[in-house]
């Protein structure tokens, strides 16, 4: 199917234009958004320049086109989405023949429902980034055409664009960049939040605690991905794990594991990631969902930053990395060209700059759009600003076997319980990493 190029007139003060297109599909919670365990990009400038708008050419629209469009979004944004659909229809009367129904289907369930029955699924649906490979394999996502891909890449941050990409193909429109972790700290205690050793030294000198959950498969990756390790899985159409790429049992994995051991040996270290359960807190690796709690704890000394770097035992400096989480908006392949054009236009509108700003102001979702991230309201949100900076260093979380999370807990527990210490030999540490790696790979056999 050959896609047309659309021009979308945005309602309100701002007007945003985006080339909308696709080719044939290739078969093959911020209130408290927890790691997806339950269900390395180049450094970006501290402040991105506003993205340039894409030049567009309006196509001819069939004035008699009619149809029904079903949209799935999370329950807490149904009312908001209905209003934006109404705004879209008012601004784009050429699509008035289409009836849009918005239904509450959360990002965690949308992919499974789509894969179960693509035909009966939504025409436009929001989903978590870790489901994109399954959706593409099931033929449930229309790819973004090359003439549109450049606009999406230019207008959204690199992490969200990577999350919307499979191979070299862009398959979805980024909606948010707001699920990940970064550093909260008490600025009366921590003098340099960019260096892990200095943070620990400041905490130790003040008799305060530094919290990070090293026995969590979500937080633990900050060290391994930071040194360049890989931990990823491939899945088939049914979500079965068919291949694993893991290299923790390597020189770079050894550097990461030694740093975890070094961190755990500090008197200031406490294992954990929930600010509400922390005591004598001076710094914590946590997410936006705990922002209010940390603000109450630190008061005027509240501050946040991207994760610090550390000097490994090999003498090299590494930036802590980890998983990043994003919400994406997909369009289902259509046989009706007019309906496809309508779906494309509406999806672009719901993922556009103005809507992302309004969605942040309404429900607090952090924008992926670069211009939206530079809005006064979003820039004033210190936690989101720190997360945006950190997400430039993270890897979008894909799908992982349920057993991976308990396996990662065991690896961290070996450190917490003293089975692996600073006195452990490289051979003993490497043996633990090899066991971890072999077990991870076994999940895909």
Protein backbone atom coordinates (compact mmCIF):
# COMPACT_ATOMS: atom_id res chain seq x y z
CA UNK A 1 0.00 0.00 0.00
CA UNK A 2 1.34 3.38 -0.97
CA UNK A 3 0.68 6.09 1.56
CA UNK A 4 -0.26 9.65 0.78
CA UNK A 5 1.32 12.73 2.31
CA UNK A 6 -0.93 14.58 4.74
CA UNK A 7 -0.99 18.05 6.17
CA UNK A 8 -2.49 18.31 9.65
CA UNK A 9 -3.68 21.66 10.93
CA UNK A 10 -3.27 21.80 14.70
CA UNK A 11 -6.00 23.48 16.75
CA UNK A 12 -5.14 26.14 19.30
CA UNK A 13 -2.32 28.64 19.34
CA UNK A 14 0.35 26.41 17.80
CA UNK A 15 0.24 24.82 14.35
CA UNK A 16 2.27 21.70 13.80
CA UNK A 17 2.73 19.98 10.45
CA UNK A 18 3.99 16.48 9.88
CA UNK A 19 4.36 14.33 6.80
CA UNK A 20 2.20 11.30 7.36
CA UNK A 21 2.97 8.10 5.48
CA UNK A 22 3.53 4.40 5.62
CA UNK A 23 4.41 1.38 3.59
CA UNK A 24 3.33 -2.21 3.96
CA UNK A 25 3.92 -3.74 7.37
CA UNK A 26 6.68 -6.31 7.53
CA UNK A 27 5.51 -9.60 9.04
CA UNK A 28 8.06 -11.39 10.83
CA UNK A 29 1.84 4.85 34.94
CA UNK A 30 3.20 8.10 35.50
CA UNK A 31 1.19 8.55 38.69
CA UNK A 32 3.56 5.82 39.79
CA UNK A 33 5.11 4.11 36.81
CA UNK A 34 6.96 1.06 38.10
CA UNK A 35 9.64 -0.81 36.17
CA UNK A 36 8.20 -3.01 33.42
CA UNK A 37 9.62 -6.10 35.13
CA UNK A 38 6.18 -6.71 36.43
CA UNK A 39 4.00 -6.91 33.22
CA UNK A 40 23.52 3.63 24.57
CA UNK A 41 22.92 6.64 22.86
CA UNK A 42 25.33 9.55 22.35
CA UNK A 43 25.27 12.30 24.96
CA UNK A 44 22.69 14.94 24.16
CA UNK A 45 23.13 18.64 24.96
CA UNK A 46 21.70 19.70 28.30
CA UNK A 47 19.14 21.74 26.35
CA UNK A 48 18.00 20.66 22.90
CA UNK A 49 17.39 23.25 20.22
CA UNK A 50 13.72 23.46 19.15
CA UNK A 51 12.91 21.01 16.39
CA UNK A 52 12.25 22.38 12.91
CA UNK A 53 8.76 21.85 11.49
CA UNK A 54 8.52 19.63 8.42
CA UNK A 55 7.38 21.22 5.17
CA UNK A 56 4.25 19.47 3.89
CA UNK A 57 2.00 19.33 0.88
CA UNK A 58 -1.71 18.75 1.41
CA UNK A 59 -3.17 15.79 -0.53
CA UNK A 60 -6.57 15.59 -2.13
CA UNK A 61 -9.07 14.13 0.33
CA UNK A 62 -12.16 12.22 -0.73
CA UNK A 63 -14.95 14.45 0.59
CA UNK A 64 -17.35 11.50 0.73
CA UNK A 65 -15.06 9.28 2.81
CA UNK A 66 -16.69 7.74 5.84
CA UNK A 67 -15.80 5.14 8.41
CA UNK A 68 -15.31 4.29 12.06
CA UNK A 69 -12.00 4.70 13.89
CA UNK A 70 -11.35 2.99 17.19
CA UNK A 71 -8.71 4.43 19.53
CA UNK A 72 -7.26 2.72 22.61
CA UNK A 73 -5.63 4.78 25.38
CA UNK A 74 -5.10 4.44 29.13
CA UNK A 75 -8.15 5.03 31.30
CA UNK A 76 -6.77 8.23 32.86
CA UNK A 77 -6.46 9.95 29.46
CA UNK A 78 -9.76 8.86 27.86
CA UNK A 79 -11.51 12.15 28.66
CA UNK A 80 -8.48 14.14 27.54
CA UNK A 81 -8.23 12.17 24.29
CA UNK A 82 -11.92 12.61 23.53
CA UNK A 83 -11.48 16.37 23.81
CA UNK A 84 -8.44 16.34 21.52
CA UNK A 85 -10.34 14.22 18.98
CA UNK A 86 -13.11 16.85 19.02
CA UNK A 87 -10.48 19.58 18.52
CA UNK A 88 -8.99 17.63 15.63
CA UNK A 89 -12.34 17.22 13.89
CA UNK A 90 -13.10 20.92 14.27
CA UNK A 91 -9.74 21.85 12.78
CA UNK A 92 -9.91 19.23 10.01
CA UNK A 93 -13.46 19.13 8.59
CA UNK A 94 -12.29 16.99 5.66
CA UNK A 95 -12.42 14.04 8.06
CA UNK A 96 -15.93 14.78 9.35
CA UNK A 97 -17.29 11.61 7.73
CA UNK A 98 -15.35 9.50 10.22
CA UNK A 99 -16.67 8.58 13.66
CA UNK A 100 -14.00 8.18 16.34
CA UNK A 101 -14.57 6.07 19.45
CA UNK A 102 -12.05 6.25 22.31
CA UNK A 103 -11.87 3.17 24.55
CA UNK A 104 -9.95 2.60 27.83
CA UNK A 105 -7.31 -0.04 27.10
CA UNK A 106 -4.01 0.50 28.94
CA UNK A 107 -0.59 0.35 27.34
CA UNK A 108 0.16 -2.89 29.16
CA UNK A 109 -2.84 -4.70 27.61
CA UNK A 110 -3.07 -3.10 24.18
CA UNK A 111 -0.32 -5.14 22.54
CA UNK A 112 -1.61 -8.50 23.75
CA UNK A 113 -5.12 -7.64 22.62
CA UNK A 114 -3.91 -6.49 19.21
CA UNK A 115 -1.80 -9.59 18.65
CA UNK A 116 -4.67 -11.86 19.67
CA UNK A 117 -6.95 -10.39 16.99
CA UNK A 118 -5.46 -7.69 14.79
CA UNK A 119 -8.63 -7.24 12.75
CA UNK A 120 -10.79 -6.65 15.82
CA UNK A 121 -8.21 -4.43 17.49
CA UNK A 122 -8.00 -0.66 17.56
CA UNK A 123 -7.08 1.39 14.52
CA UNK A 124 -4.92 3.67 16.67
CA UNK A 125 -3.51 2.47 19.98
CA UNK A 126 -1.02 3.49 22.65
CA UNK A 127 1.40 0.83 23.87
CA UNK A 128 4.56 0.36 25.92
CA UNK A 129 7.81 0.32 24.00
CA UNK A 130 8.75 -3.18 25.11
CA UNK A 131 5.91 -4.59 22.96
CA UNK A 132 6.88 -3.09 19.60
CA UNK A 133 8.74 -6.11 18.22
CA UNK A 134 5.77 -8.41 18.86
CA UNK A 135 3.38 -5.95 17.23
CA UNK A 136 5.53 -5.63 14.14
CA UNK A 137 5.89 -9.41 13.85
CA UNK A 138 2.11 -9.81 14.14
CA UNK A 139 1.46 -7.28 11.37
CA UNK A 140 -0.35 -4.99 13.81
CA UNK A 141 1.69 -1.85 13.06
CA UNK A 142 1.91 0.22 9.89
CA UNK A 143 5.41 1.53 9.43
CA UNK A 144 6.12 5.24 9.21
CA UNK A 145 7.14 6.13 5.66
CA UNK A 146 10.66 7.47 5.00
CA UNK A 147 9.39 11.00 4.26
CA UNK A 148 7.77 11.07 7.69
CA UNK A 149 10.54 9.32 9.60
CA UNK A 150 12.89 12.27 9.34
CA UNK A 151 10.28 14.62 10.81
CA UNK A 152 9.54 12.30 13.74
CA UNK A 153 13.25 11.84 14.43
CA UNK A 154 13.84 15.60 14.33
CA UNK A 155 10.90 16.46 16.58
CA UNK A 156 11.34 13.83 19.32
CA UNK A 157 14.22 12.91 21.62
CA UNK A 158 16.60 10.15 20.53
CA UNK A 159 15.53 7.66 23.21
CA UNK A 160 11.88 7.76 22.22
CA UNK A 161 12.74 7.50 18.53
CA UNK A 162 14.90 4.44 19.24
CA UNK A 163 12.01 2.93 21.19
CA UNK A 164 9.71 3.41 18.19
CA UNK A 165 12.16 1.75 15.81
CA UNK A 166 12.62 -1.90 14.88
CA UNK A 167 15.74 -2.56 12.83
CA UNK A 168 16.07 0.53 10.69
CA UNK A 169 12.32 1.17 10.42
CA UNK A 170 10.20 3.61 12.42
CA UNK A 171 6.89 1.97 13.32
CA UNK A 172 5.23 4.33 15.80
CA UNK A 173 4.86 7.91 16.98
CA UNK A 174 6.51 8.68 20.34
CA UNK A 175 4.12 9.96 23.01
CA UNK A 176 6.22 10.20 26.18
CA UNK A 177 9.71 10.04 27.62
CA UNK A 178 8.91 9.67 31.29
CA UNK A 179 9.72 6.23 32.66
CA UNK A 180 13.26 5.76 33.87
CA UNK A 181 15.48 6.60 36.81
CA UNK A 182 17.90 9.34 37.73
CA UNK A 183 19.47 10.88 40.84
CA UNK A 184 17.64 12.80 43.56
CA UNK A 185 19.95 14.44 46.08
CA UNK A 186 20.14 16.80 49.02
CA UNK A 187 22.25 19.68 47.72
CA UNK A 188 23.30 20.64 51.26
CA UNK A 189 25.11 17.29 51.42
CA UNK A 190 26.08 16.32 47.85
CA UNK A 191 28.47 18.82 46.30
CA UNK A 192 29.09 17.09 42.96
CA UNK A 193 26.21 14.90 41.67
CA UNK A 194 28.14 13.97 38.51
CA UNK A 195 30.63 11.63 40.23
CA UNK A 196 29.56 8.50 42.11
CA UNK A 197 32.69 8.39 44.29
CA UNK A 198 32.21 12.02 45.33
CA UNK A 199 28.54 11.43 46.13
CA UNK A 200 29.44 8.52 48.38
CA UNK A 201 32.25 10.50 50.03
CA UNK A 202 29.87 13.38 50.78
CA UNK A 203 27.25 11.01 52.19
CA UNK A 204 29.80 9.21 54.34
CA UNK A 205 31.19 12.50 55.68
CA UNK A 206 27.70 13.68 56.61
CA UNK A 207 26.64 10.33 58.05
CA UNK A 208 23.87 10.13 55.46
CA UNK A 209 22.61 7.36 53.17
CA UNK A 210 22.77 6.73 49.44
CA UNK A 211 20.03 4.43 48.09
CA UNK A 212 20.12 2.31 44.93
CA UNK A 213 18.45 -1.06 44.32
CA UNK A 214 21.34 -3.17 43.06
CA UNK A 215 19.38 -6.43 43.31
CA UNK A 216 16.76 -5.23 40.82
CA UNK A 217 17.08 -6.26 37.18
CA UNK A 218 15.82 -2.80 36.22
CA UNK A 219 18.24 -0.64 38.20
CA UNK A 220 21.17 -3.06 38.05
CA UNK A 221 21.54 -2.58 34.29
CA UNK A 222 22.77 0.98 34.93
CA UNK A 223 26.23 -0.44 35.60
CA UNK A 224 26.35 -3.13 32.94
CA UNK A 225 24.91 -1.01 30.13
CA UNK A 226 27.17 1.81 31.30
CA UNK A 227 30.28 -0.25 30.60
CA UNK A 228 28.88 -1.40 27.24
CA UNK A 229 27.38 -4.78 28.07
CA UNK A 230 24.42 -6.18 26.15
CA UNK A 231 21.35 -7.96 27.50
CA UNK A 232 18.54 -8.37 24.98
CA UNK A 233 16.06 -10.96 23.70
CA UNK A 234 14.28 -11.70 20.45
CA UNK A 235 10.71 -13.01 20.42
CA UNK A 236 8.39 -14.66 17.94
CA UNK A 237 4.82 -13.68 17.11
CA UNK A 238 3.48 -15.32 20.24
CA UNK A 239 6.00 -13.65 22.50
CA UNK A 240 8.19 -16.72 22.91
CA UNK A 241 11.85 -15.96 23.44
CA UNK A 242 13.81 -17.27 20.47
CA UNK A 243 17.28 -15.78 20.95
CA UNK A 244 19.36 -13.97 23.58
CA UNK A 245 22.33 -11.66 23.23
CA UNK A 246 24.09 -11.43 26.60
CA UNK A 247 27.76 -10.63 27.29
CA UNK A 248 27.96 -9.97 31.02
CA UNK A 249 30.74 -12.59 31.34
CA UNK A 250 33.31 -10.29 29.77
CA UNK A 251 35.93 -7.70 30.72
CA UNK A 252 33.29 -4.94 30.58
CA UNK A 253 30.93 -7.03 32.71
CA UNK A 254 33.70 -7.54 35.25
CA UNK A 255 34.24 -3.78 35.49
CA UNK A 256 30.51 -3.25 36.09
CA UNK A 257 30.26 -5.97 38.72
CA UNK A 258 33.28 -4.68 40.60
CA UNK A 259 31.71 -1.22 40.72
CA UNK A 260 28.51 -2.68 42.17
CA UNK A 261 30.61 -4.44 44.81
CA UNK A 262 32.49 -1.21 45.50
CA UNK A 263 29.23 0.71 45.91
CA UNK A 264 27.81 -1.88 48.30
CA UNK A 265 30.94 -1.69 50.46
CA UNK A 266 30.35 2.00 51.25
CA UNK A 267 28.99 2.70 54.75
CA UNK A 268 26.56 5.12 53.09
CA UNK A 269 25.03 2.51 50.80
CA UNK A 270 21.50 1.24 51.36
CA UNK A 271 19.75 -1.13 48.96
CA UNK A 272 16.43 0.30 47.84
CA UNK A 273 14.63 2.62 45.43
CA UNK A 274 11.52 3.80 47.31
CA UNK A 275 12.00 7.27 48.78
CA UNK A 276 9.07 6.79 51.14
CA UNK A 277 10.86 3.89 52.83
CA UNK A 278 14.31 5.56 53.00
CA UNK A 279 15.89 6.77 56.23
CA UNK A 280 18.56 9.41 56.79
CA UNK A 281 18.47 10.05 53.04
CA UNK A 282 20.92 12.24 51.12
CA UNK A 283 20.72 10.71 47.63
CA UNK A 284 18.61 8.09 45.85
CA UNK A 285 18.32 6.57 42.38
CA UNK A 286 14.58 6.73 41.75
CA UNK A 287 11.94 7.88 39.24
CA UNK A 288 9.46 10.70 38.65
CA UNK A 289 6.74 8.86 40.60
CA UNK A 290 8.59 9.65 43.84
CA UNK A 291 9.21 13.32 43.09
CA UNK A 292 6.66 14.61 45.59
CA UNK A 293 7.98 12.40 48.38
CA UNK A 294 11.59 13.48 47.83
CA UNK A 295 10.59 17.15 47.73
CA UNK A 296 8.98 16.78 51.13
CA UNK A 297 12.10 15.09 52.50
CA UNK A 298 14.65 17.56 51.12
CA UNK A 299 12.63 20.77 51.16
CA UNK A 300 14.70 23.72 49.92
CA UNK A 301 17.67 21.38 49.38
CA UNK A 302 15.77 19.31 46.79
CA UNK A 303 17.76 18.71 43.60
CA UNK A 304 17.97 16.16 40.78
CA UNK A 305 20.41 15.24 38.04
CA UNK A 306 21.16 12.51 35.54
CA UNK A 307 22.94 9.50 37.00
CA UNK A 308 26.61 10.03 37.85
CA UNK A 309 29.65 8.55 36.14
CA UNK A 310 32.24 6.33 37.81
CA UNK A 311 35.86 5.39 37.28
CA UNK A 312 36.14 1.64 36.80
CA UNK A 313 38.95 -0.50 38.15
CA UNK A 314 40.41 -0.38 34.62
CA UNK A 315 40.93 3.38 34.95
CA UNK A 316 38.25 4.34 32.43
CA UNK A 317 35.29 6.60 33.19
CA UNK A 318 31.78 5.27 32.55
CA UNK A 319 28.40 6.99 32.54
CA UNK A 320 25.71 5.03 34.38
CA UNK A 321 23.05 3.98 31.92
CA UNK A 322 20.09 1.60 32.37
CA UNK A 323 16.62 1.04 30.98
CA UNK A 324 14.37 3.75 29.60
CA UNK A 325 10.60 3.50 29.22
CA UNK A 326 8.41 5.22 26.63
CA UNK A 327 4.80 5.28 25.50
CA UNK A 328 4.20 5.01 21.76
CA UNK A 329 1.20 5.47 19.46
CA UNK A 330 0.67 3.02 16.61
CA UNK A 331 -1.56 2.85 13.55
CA UNK A 332 -2.95 -0.48 12.38
CA UNK A 333 -2.63 -1.34 8.66
CA UNK A 334 -5.78 -0.45 6.71
CA UNK A 335 -7.25 -1.63 3.42
CA UNK A 336 -9.19 1.62 2.92
CA UNK A 337 -6.84 4.41 1.81
CA UNK A 338 -9.16 7.17 3.03
CA UNK A 339 -9.46 5.61 6.47
CA UNK A 340 -5.69 5.15 6.55
CA UNK A 341 -5.22 8.85 5.81
CA UNK A 342 -7.65 9.75 8.60
CA UNK A 343 -5.91 7.44 11.09
CA UNK A 344 -2.52 8.85 10.17
CA UNK A 345 -3.68 12.43 10.57
CA UNK A 346 -5.33 11.77 13.93
CA UNK A 347 -2.34 9.79 15.26
CA UNK A 348 0.04 12.59 14.29
CA UNK A 349 -2.21 15.09 16.04
CA UNK A 350 -2.47 13.05 19.24
CA UNK A 351 1.33 12.63 19.27
CA UNK A 352 2.09 16.20 18.28
CA UNK A 353 3.79 18.98 20.19
CA UNK A 354 0.69 20.84 21.35
CA UNK A 355 -1.10 17.69 22.50
CA UNK A 356 1.97 16.49 24.39
CA UNK A 357 2.17 19.79 26.28
CA UNK A 358 -1.53 19.70 27.09
CA UNK A 359 -1.30 16.06 28.18
CA UNK A 360 1.54 16.94 30.55
CA UNK A 361 -0.48 19.78 32.03
CA UNK A 362 -3.53 17.53 32.40
CA UNK A 363 -2.13 14.21 33.65
CA UNK A 364 1.62 14.82 34.06
CA UNK A 365 2.95 12.61 31.26
CA UNK A 366 6.46 13.70 30.28
CA UNK A 367 6.74 14.71 26.60
CA UNK A 368 9.05 13.12 24.04
CA UNK A 369 8.68 16.08 21.68
CA UNK A 370 11.74 18.32 21.90
CA UNK A 371 9.79 21.57 21.65
CA UNK A 372 7.32 20.35 24.27
CA UNK A 373 10.24 19.52 26.57
CA UNK A 374 11.34 23.14 26.25
CA UNK A 375 7.95 24.53 27.28
CA UNK A 376 8.03 26.57 30.47
CA UNK A 377 5.76 24.14 32.31
CA UNK A 378 7.86 21.08 31.50
CA UNK A 379 11.21 22.82 32.06
CA UNK A 380 10.01 23.89 35.50
CA UNK A 381 9.59 20.20 36.40
CA UNK A 382 13.05 19.41 37.78
CA UNK A 383 12.48 15.66 37.90
CA UNK A 384 11.38 15.43 34.27
CA UNK A 385 14.31 17.59 33.20
CA UNK A 386 16.78 15.28 34.96
CA UNK A 387 15.09 12.22 33.48
CA UNK A 388 15.20 13.70 29.98
CA UNK A 389 18.93 14.19 30.33
CA UNK A 390 19.41 10.64 31.65
CA UNK A 391 17.30 9.05 28.92
CA UNK A 392 19.90 10.13 26.37
CA UNK A 393 22.15 7.44 27.89
CA UNK A 394 19.62 4.65 28.35
CA UNK A 395 18.43 1.70 26.30
CA UNK A 396 14.69 1.26 25.63
CA UNK A 397 13.51 -1.75 27.58
CA UNK A 398 12.43 -4.66 25.43
CA UNK A 399 10.76 -7.90 26.49
CA UNK A 400 12.45 -10.05 29.11
CA UNK A 401 11.56 -13.48 30.53
CA UNK A 402 9.92 -13.38 33.94
CA UNK A 403 12.74 -15.50 35.33
CA UNK A 404 15.30 -12.84 34.33
CA UNK A 405 14.10 -10.53 37.07
CA UNK A 406 14.55 -13.09 39.85
CA UNK A 407 17.90 -14.11 38.36
CA UNK A 408 19.09 -10.49 38.50
CA UNK A 409 17.88 -10.26 42.08
CA UNK A 410 20.05 -13.25 42.91
CA UNK A 411 23.11 -11.64 41.32
CA UNK A 412 22.62 -8.50 43.41
CA UNK A 413 21.92 -10.54 46.52
CA UNK A 414 25.29 -12.25 46.14
CA UNK A 415 26.82 -8.82 46.73
CA UNK A 416 24.44 -7.70 49.47
CA UNK A 417 24.87 -10.95 51.40
CA UNK A 418 28.66 -10.88 51.12
CA UNK A 419 29.12 -13.82 48.74
CA UNK A 420 30.93 -11.45 46.39
CA UNK A 421 33.13 -8.80 48.00
CA UNK A 422 36.08 -6.55 47.23
CA UNK A 423 38.28 -9.46 48.31
CA UNK A 424 36.76 -11.82 45.73
CA UNK A 425 39.07 -12.82 42.91
CA UNK A 426 38.35 -11.86 39.31
CA UNK A 427 37.90 -15.56 38.64
CA UNK A 428 35.17 -15.88 41.28
CA UNK A 429 33.36 -12.79 40.04
CA UNK A 430 33.61 -13.95 36.43
CA UNK A 431 32.27 -17.35 37.43
CA UNK A 432 29.15 -15.69 38.88
CA UNK A 433 28.74 -13.61 35.73
CA UNK A 434 29.14 -16.67 33.52
CA UNK A 435 26.45 -18.52 35.45
CA UNK A 436 24.17 -15.49 35.14
CA UNK A 437 24.87 -15.19 31.41
CA UNK A 438 24.36 -18.89 30.66
CA UNK A 439 21.09 -18.92 32.58
CA UNK A 440 19.84 -15.80 30.76
CA UNK A 441 20.60 -17.46 27.42
CA UNK A 442 18.88 -20.68 28.49
CA UNK A 443 15.55 -18.82 28.73
CA UNK A 444 15.52 -18.46 24.94
CA UNK A 445 16.15 -22.14 24.15
